[in-house]
PDB file of N, CA and C in Angstrom:
ATOM      1  N   PHE A   1     -26.541  19.425  36.095  1.00  0.00           N
ATOM      2  CA  PHE A   1     -25.425  19.470  34.963  1.00  0.00           C
ATOM      3  C   PHE A   1     -25.581  18.457  34.096  1.00  0.00           C
ATOM      4  N   THR A   2     -25.336  18.767  32.977  1.00  0.00           N
ATOM      5  CA  THR A   2     -24.614  17.758  32.107  1.00  0.00           C
ATOM      6  C   THR A   2     -23.352  18.114  31.108  1.00  0.00           C
ATOM      7  N   PHE A   3     -22.382  17.025  31.191  1.00  0.00           N
ATOM      8  CA  PHE A   3     -21.176  17.642  30.910  1.00  0.00           C
ATOM      9  C   PHE A   3     -20.637  16.695  29.734  1.00  0.00           C
ATOM     10  N   VAL A   4     -20.631  17.025  28.582  1.00  0.00           N
ATOM     11  CA  VAL A   4     -20.391  16.572  27.412  1.00  0.00           C
ATOM     12  C   VAL A   4     -19.115  16.731  26.903  1.00  0.00           C
ATOM     13  N   LEU A   5     -18.206  16.015  26.796  1.00  0.00           N
ATOM     14  CA  LEU A   5     -16.969  16.004  26.222  1.00  0.00           C
ATOM     15  C   LEU A   5     -16.845  15.794  24.507  1.00  0.00           C
ATOM     16  N   LYS A   6     -15.991  16.742  23.856  1.00  0.00           N
ATOM     17  CA  LYS A   6     -16.421  16.659  22.310  1.00  0.00           C
ATOM     18  C   LYS A   6     -14.739  16.280  22.174  1.00  0.00           C
ATOM     19  N   THR A   7     -14.554  16.058  20.840  1.00  0.00           N
ATOM     20  CA  THR A   7     -13.265  15.422  20.245  1.00  0.00           C
ATOM     21  C   THR A   7     -12.326  16.497  20.275  1.00  0.00           C
ATOM     22  N   PRO A   8     -10.932  16.738  20.087  1.00  0.00           N
ATOM     23  CA  PRO A   8     -10.168  17.773  19.580  1.00  0.00           C
ATOM     24  C   PRO A   8     -10.551  18.618  18.608  1.00  0.00           C
ATOM     25  N   PRO A   9     -10.217  19.773  18.575  1.00  0.00           N
ATOM     26  CA  PRO A   9     -10.358  20.688  17.272  1.00  0.00           C
ATOM     27  C   PRO A   9      -9.878  19.672  16.007  1.00  0.00           C
ATOM     28  N   VAL A  10     -10.200  20.008  14.821  1.00  0.00           N
ATOM     29  CA  VAL A  10      -9.549  19.518  13.764  1.00  0.00           C
ATOM     30  C   VAL A  10      -8.185  20.067  13.371  1.00  0.00           C
ATOM     31  N   SER A  11      -7.987  21.352  13.768  1.00  0.00           N
ATOM     32  CA  SER A  11      -6.645  21.961  13.524  1.00  0.00           C
ATOM     33  C   SER A  11      -5.419  21.455  14.245  1.00  0.00           C
ATOM     34  N   ASP A  12      -5.987  21.109  15.888  1.00  0.00           N
ATOM     35  CA  ASP A  12      -5.060  20.430  16.697  1.00  0.00           C
ATOM     36  C   ASP A  12      -4.573  19.001  16.118  1.00  0.00           C
ATOM     37  N   LEU A  13      -5.619  18.427  15.735  1.00  0.00           N
ATOM     38  CA  LEU A  13      -5.406  16.836  15.031  1.00  0.00           C
ATOM     39  C   LEU A  13      -4.280  17.378  13.640  1.00  0.00           C
ATOM     40  N   LEU A  14      -4.901  18.369  12.951  1.00  0.00           N
ATOM     41  CA  LEU A  14      -3.916  18.136  11.702  1.00  0.00           C
ATOM     42  C   LEU A  14      -2.312  18.686  12.122  1.00  0.00           C
ATOM     43  N   LYS A  15      -2.424  19.656  13.138  1.00  0.00           N
ATOM     44  CA  LYS A  15      -1.104  19.775  13.300  1.00  0.00           C
ATOM     45  C   LYS A  15      -0.172  18.817  13.928  1.00  0.00           C
ATOM     46  N   LYS A  16      -0.802  18.358  14.652  1.00  0.00           N
ATOM     47  CA  LYS A  16      -0.339  16.819  15.382  1.00  0.00           C
ATOM     48  C   LYS A  16       0.569  16.077  13.835  1.00  0.00           C
ATOM     49  N   ALA A  17      -0.526  15.738  13.007  1.00  0.00           N
ATOM     50  CA  ALA A  17      -0.352  14.947  11.936  1.00  0.00           C
ATOM     51  C   ALA A  17       0.585  15.413  11.004  1.00  0.00           C
ATOM     52  N   ALA A  18       0.550  16.821  10.862  1.00  0.00           N
ATOM     53  CA  ALA A  18       2.008  17.071  10.036  1.00  0.00           C
ATOM     54  C   ALA A  18       3.131  17.714  10.862  1.00  0.00           C
ATOM     55  N   ASN A  19       2.870  17.511  12.308  1.00  0.00           N
ATOM     56  CA  ASN A  19       4.406  17.683  12.962  1.00  0.00           C
ATOM     57  C   ASN A  19       4.762  19.205  12.823  1.00  0.00           C
ATOM     58  N   ILE A  20       3.781  19.998  13.014  1.00  0.00           N
ATOM     59  CA  ILE A  20       4.293  21.364  12.864  1.00  0.00           C
ATOM     60  C   ILE A  20       3.446  22.275  14.366  1.00  0.00           C
ATOM     61  N   THR A  21       4.128  23.274  14.769  1.00  0.00           N
ATOM     62  CA  THR A  21       3.559  23.742  16.055  1.00  0.00           C
ATOM     63  C   THR A  21       2.519  25.158  15.354  1.00  0.00           C
ATOM     64  N   LYS A  22       2.213  25.712  14.419  1.00  0.00           N
ATOM     65  CA  LYS A  22       1.300  26.545  14.042  1.00  0.00           C
ATOM     66  C   LYS A  22       1.150  26.459  12.520  1.00  0.00           C
ATOM     67  N   GLY A  23      -0.069  26.726  12.005  1.00  0.00           N
ATOM     68  CA  GLY A  23      -0.641  26.851  10.511  1.00  0.00           C
ATOM     69  C   GLY A  23      -0.347  28.015  10.218  1.00  0.00           C
ATOM     70  N   SER A  24      -0.445  28.463   8.605  1.00  0.00           N
ATOM     71  CA  SER A  24       0.266  29.196   8.029  1.00  0.00           C
ATOM     72  C   SER A  24      -0.589  30.435   8.512  1.00  0.00           C
ATOM     73  N   THR A  25       0.140  31.732   8.043  1.00  0.00           N
ATOM     74  CA  THR A  25      -0.741  33.102   8.618  1.00  0.00           C
ATOM     75  C   THR A  25      -1.311  33.401   7.379  1.00  0.00           C
ATOM     76  N   LYS A  26      -1.135  32.886   5.924  1.00  0.00           N
ATOM     77  CA  LYS A  26      -1.216  33.257   4.357  1.00  0.00           C
ATOM     78  C   LYS A  26      -2.484  32.521   4.168  1.00  0.00           C
ATOM     79  N   GLY A  27      -2.599  31.284   4.723  1.00  0.00           N
ATOM     80  CA  GLY A  27      -3.367  30.381   4.301  1.00  0.00           C
ATOM     81  C   GLY A  27      -3.001  29.356   3.439  1.00  0.00           C
ATOM     82  N   LYS A  28      -3.413  28.962   2.329  1.00  0.00           N
ATOM     83  CA  LYS A  28      -3.283  28.260   1.349  1.00  0.00           C
ATOM     84  C   LYS A  28      -1.456  28.637   0.485  1.00  0.00           C
ATOM     85  N   LYS A  29      -1.756  29.953   0.367  1.00  0.00           N
ATOM     86  CA  LYS A  29      -0.641  30.480  -0.268  1.00  0.00           C
ATOM     87  C   LYS A  29       0.632  29.915   0.387  1.00  0.00           C
ATOM     88  N   GLU A  30       0.969  29.812   1.435  1.00  0.00           N
ATOM     89  CA  GLU A  30       1.993  29.166   2.366  1.00  0.00           C
ATOM     90  C   GLU A  30       1.977  27.763   2.297  1.00  0.00           C
ATOM     91  N   ILE A  31       2.617  27.167   2.180  1.00  0.00           N
ATOM     92  CA  ILE A  31       2.962  25.618   2.569  1.00  0.00           C
ATOM     93  C   ILE A  31       3.296  25.573   3.844  1.00  0.00           C
ATOM     94  N   VAL A  32       2.947  25.192   4.874  1.00  0.00           N
ATOM     95  CA  VAL A  32       3.859  24.785   6.149  1.00  0.00           C
ATOM     96  C   VAL A  32       3.996  23.345   6.535  1.00  0.00           C
ATOM     97  N   GLY A  33       3.574  22.693   5.901  1.00  0.00           N
ATOM     98  CA  GLY A  33       3.396  21.092   6.540  1.00  0.00           C
ATOM     99  C   GLY A  33       2.701  20.189   5.460  1.00  0.00           C
ATOM    100  N   LYS A  34       3.092  18.914   5.322  1.00  0.00           N
ATOM    101  CA  LYS A  34       1.918  18.120   4.677  1.00  0.00           C
ATOM    102  C   LYS A  34       1.431  16.892   5.181  1.00  0.00           C
ATOM    103  N   VAL A  35       0.458  16.358   5.040  1.00  0.00           N
ATOM    104  CA  VAL A  35      -0.552  15.255   5.819  1.00  0.00           C
ATOM    105  C   VAL A  35      -0.639  14.393   4.468  1.00  0.00           C
ATOM    106  N   SER A  36      -0.702  12.948   4.787  1.00  0.00           N
ATOM    107  CA  SER A  36      -1.180  11.924   3.871  1.00  0.00           C
ATOM    108  C   SER A  36      -2.765  11.862   3.659  1.00  0.00           C
ATOM    109  N   LYS A  37      -2.999  11.295   2.678  1.00  0.00           N
ATOM    110  CA  LYS A  37      -4.812  10.846   2.843  1.00  0.00           C
ATOM    111  C   LYS A  37      -5.239  10.171   3.894  1.00  0.00           C
ATOM    112  N   ASP A  38      -4.088   8.936   4.125  1.00  0.00           N
ATOM    113  CA  ASP A  38      -4.394   8.317   5.648  1.00  0.00           C
ATOM    114  C   ASP A  38      -4.394   9.042   6.767  1.00  0.00           C
ATOM    115  N   ASP A  39      -3.941  10.241   6.774  1.00  0.00           N
ATOM    116  CA  ASP A  39      -4.055  10.724   8.081  1.00  0.00           C
ATOM    117  C   ASP A  39      -5.203  11.613   8.006  1.00  0.00           C
ATOM    118  N   ILE A  40      -5.805  12.131   6.724  1.00  0.00           N
ATOM    119  CA  ILE A  40      -6.946  12.942   6.544  1.00  0.00           C
ATOM    120  C   ILE A  40      -7.995  11.867   7.085  1.00  0.00           C
ATOM    121  N   LYS A  41      -8.308  10.429   6.702  1.00  0.00           N
ATOM    122  CA  LYS A  41      -9.014   9.452   6.883  1.00  0.00           C
ATOM    123  C   LYS A  41      -9.252   9.370   8.392  1.00  0.00           C
ATOM    124  N   LYS A  42      -8.043   8.952   9.014  1.00  0.00           N
ATOM    125  CA  LYS A  42      -8.303   8.788  10.537  1.00  0.00           C
ATOM    126  C   LYS A  42      -8.467  10.111  11.289  1.00  0.00           C
ATOM    127  N   ILE A  43      -8.135  11.374  10.907  1.00  0.00           N
ATOM    128  CA  ILE A  43      -9.119  12.465  11.445  1.00  0.00           C
ATOM    129  C   ILE A  43     -10.273  12.432  11.123  1.00  0.00           C
ATOM    130  N   ALA A  44     -10.737  12.384   9.908  1.00  0.00           N
ATOM    131  CA  ALA A  44     -12.081  12.204   9.533  1.00  0.00           C
ATOM    132  C   ALA A  44     -12.910  11.134  10.559  1.00  0.00           C
ATOM    133  N   GLU A  45     -12.535  10.099  10.895  1.00  0.00           N
ATOM    134  CA  GLU A  45     -13.224   9.196  11.571  1.00  0.00           C
ATOM    135  C   GLU A  45     -13.034   9.410  13.084  1.00  0.00           C
ATOM    136  N   ILE A  46     -12.219  10.308  13.445  1.00  0.00           N
ATOM    137  CA  ILE A  46     -12.444  10.801  14.836  1.00  0.00           C
ATOM    138  C   ILE A  46     -13.256  12.017  14.984  1.00  0.00           C
ATOM    139  N   LYS A  47     -13.268  12.823  13.913  1.00  0.00           N
ATOM    140  CA  LYS A  47     -14.252  13.916  14.068  1.00  0.00           C
ATOM    141  C   LYS A  47     -15.600  13.226  13.562  1.00  0.00           C
ATOM    142  N   LEU A  48     -16.022  12.701  12.885  1.00  0.00           N
ATOM    143  CA  LEU A  48     -17.427  12.165  12.359  1.00  0.00           C
ATOM    144  C   LEU A  48     -18.523  12.318  13.195  1.00  0.00           C
ATOM    145  N   GLU A  49     -18.405  11.907  14.336  1.00  0.00           N
ATOM    146  CA  GLU A  49     -19.789  12.088  14.850  1.00  0.00           C
ATOM    147  C   GLU A  49     -20.033  13.766  15.410  1.00  0.00           C
ATOM    148  N   ASP A  50     -18.603  14.421  15.202  1.00  0.00           N
ATOM    149  CA  ASP A  50     -18.696  16.024  15.592  1.00  0.00           C
ATOM    150  C   ASP A  50     -19.156  17.001  14.309  1.00  0.00           C
ATOM    151  N   LEU A  51     -19.078  16.497  13.429  1.00  0.00           N
ATOM    152  CA  LEU A  51     -19.090  17.088  11.986  1.00  0.00           C
ATOM    153  C   LEU A  51     -20.524  17.124  11.309  1.00  0.00           C
ATOM    154  N   ASN A  52     -20.816  18.148  10.632  1.00  0.00           N
ATOM    155  CA  ASN A  52     -22.212  17.967   9.750  1.00  0.00           C
ATOM    156  C   ASN A  52     -21.928  16.901   8.389  1.00  0.00           C
ATOM    157  N   ALA A  53     -21.751  15.527   8.746  1.00  0.00           N
ATOM    158  CA  ALA A  53     -21.261  15.014   7.562  1.00  0.00           C
ATOM    159  C   ALA A  53     -22.072  13.468   7.610  1.00  0.00           C
ATOM    160  N   TYR A  54     -22.665  12.707   6.954  1.00  0.00           N
ATOM    161  CA  TYR A  54     -23.148  11.870   7.096  1.00  0.00           C
ATOM    162  C   TYR A  54     -22.094  10.297   6.688  1.00  0.00           C
ATOM    163  N   ASP A  55     -21.368  10.694   5.746  1.00  0.00           N
ATOM    164  CA  ASP A  55     -20.462   9.393   5.570  1.00  0.00           C
ATOM    165  C   ASP A  55     -18.925   9.874   5.816  1.00  0.00           C
ATOM    166  N   ILE A  56     -17.899   9.215   5.540  1.00  0.00           N
ATOM    167  CA  ILE A  56     -16.677   9.413   5.713  1.00  0.00           C
ATOM    168  C   ILE A  56     -16.189  10.015   4.929  1.00  0.00           C
ATOM    169  N   GLU A  57     -16.484   9.725   3.532  1.00  0.00           N
ATOM    170  CA  GLU A  57     -15.662  10.814   2.427  1.00  0.00           C
ATOM    171  C   GLU A  57     -16.225  12.262   2.588  1.00  0.00           C
ATOM    172  N   SER A  58     -17.455  12.823   3.134  1.00  0.00           N
ATOM    173  CA  SER A  58     -17.829  13.972   3.091  1.00  0.00           C
ATOM    174  C   SER A  58     -17.187  14.755   4.301  1.00  0.00           C
ATOM    175  N   ALA A  59     -16.957  13.280   5.366  1.00  0.00           N
ATOM    176  CA  ALA A  59     -15.708  14.168   6.344  1.00  0.00           C
ATOM    177  C   ALA A  59     -14.640  14.182   5.971  1.00  0.00           C
ATOM    178  N   MET A  60     -13.922  13.499   5.099  1.00  0.00           N
ATOM    179  CA  MET A  60     -12.631  13.701   4.538  1.00  0.00           C
ATOM    180  C   MET A  60     -12.654  14.696   3.612  1.00  0.00           C
ATOM    181  N   LYS A  61     -13.462  15.459   3.233  1.00  0.00           N
ATOM    182  CA  LYS A  61     -13.605  16.617   2.257  1.00  0.00           C
ATOM    183  C   LYS A  61     -13.511  17.862   3.218  1.00  0.00           C
ATOM    184  N   SER A  62     -14.259  17.917   4.309  1.00  0.00           N
ATOM    185  CA  SER A  62     -14.339  19.060   5.401  1.00  0.00           C
ATOM    186  C   SER A  62     -12.923  18.879   6.064  1.00  0.00           C
ATOM    187  N   VAL A  63     -12.437  17.803   6.154  1.00  0.00           N
ATOM    188  CA  VAL A  63     -11.046  17.899   7.127  1.00  0.00           C
ATOM    189  C   VAL A  63      -9.676  18.452   6.084  1.00  0.00           C
ATOM    190  N   GLU A  64      -9.986  17.969   4.604  1.00  0.00           N
ATOM    191  CA  GLU A  64      -9.186  18.536   3.598  1.00  0.00           C
ATOM    192  C   GLU A  64      -9.194  19.669   3.422  1.00  0.00           C
ATOM    193  N   GLY A  65     -10.356  20.293   3.455  1.00  0.00           N
ATOM    194  CA  GLY A  65     -10.625  21.902   3.299  1.00  0.00           C
ATOM    195  C   GLY A  65     -10.031  22.956   4.443  1.00  0.00           C
ATOM    196  N   SER A  66     -10.022  22.081   5.908  1.00  0.00           N
ATOM    197  CA  SER A  66      -9.532  22.642   6.994  1.00  0.00           C
ATOM    198  C   SER A  66      -7.936  22.685   6.432  1.00  0.00           C
ATOM    199  N   ALA A  67      -7.278  21.722   6.225  1.00  0.00           N
ATOM    200  CA  ALA A  67      -5.915  21.894   6.136  1.00  0.00           C
ATOM    201  C   ALA A  67      -5.250  22.574   5.175  1.00  0.00           C
ATOM    202  N   LEU A  68      -6.067  22.517   3.828  1.00  0.00           N
ATOM    203  CA  LEU A  68      -5.604  23.603   3.018  1.00  0.00           C
ATOM    204  C   LEU A  68      -5.749  24.970   3.525  1.00  0.00           C
ATOM    205  N   ASN A  69      -6.912  25.226   4.394  1.00  0.00           N
ATOM    206  CA  ASN A  69      -6.799  26.762   4.849  1.00  0.00           C
ATOM    207  C   ASN A  69      -5.778  27.291   5.835  1.00  0.00           C
ATOM    208  N   MET A  70      -5.369  26.090   6.205  1.00  0.00           N
ATOM    209  CA  MET A  70      -4.339  25.924   7.412  1.00  0.00           C
ATOM    210  C   MET A  70      -2.766  26.282   6.794  1.00  0.00           C
ATOM    211  N   GLY A  71      -2.688  25.835   5.425  1.00  0.00           N
ATOM    212  CA  GLY A  71      -1.566  25.904   4.561  1.00  0.00           C
ATOM    213  C   GLY A  71      -0.927  24.104   4.791  1.00  0.00           C
ATOM    214  N   ILE A  72      -1.543  23.324   5.012  1.00  0.00           N
ATOM    215  CA  ILE A  72      -0.983  21.869   5.268  1.00  0.00           C
ATOM    216  C   ILE A  72      -1.544  21.277   3.655  1.00  0.00           C
ATOM    217  N   GLU A  73      -0.498  20.792   3.049  1.00  0.00           N
ATOM    218  CA  GLU A  73      -0.651  19.975   1.702  1.00  0.00           C
ATOM    219  C   GLU A  73      -1.260  18.842   2.013  1.00  0.00           C
ATOM    220  N   VAL A  74      -2.027  18.191   1.072  1.00  0.00           N
ATOM    221  CA  VAL A  74      -2.571  16.897   1.528  1.00  0.00           C
ATOM    222  C   VAL A  74      -2.066  16.360   0.051  1.00  0.00           C
ATOM    223  N   LYS A  75      -1.060  15.145   0.534  1.00  0.00           N
ATOM    224  CA  LYS A  75      -0.352  14.411  -0.724  1.00  0.00           C
ATOM    225  C   LYS A  75      -1.045  13.168  -0.504  1.00  0.00           C
TER     226      LYS A  75
END
């Protein structure tokens, strides 16, 4: 058997960065937390190997989209 460990899900990393316990139930219509661009970049660097992105900017856009869908505002 081959056992491969992956990085934590983006949603978990975003919840930790925003210091919230769960995301919004209404998506981007209800803001439940805030993260900075630096937080987005740190998460993108962690998840870069698992995402379908070739560079850090693309990974940041993907993480930012996940944040918006969870109701987390990016400042």
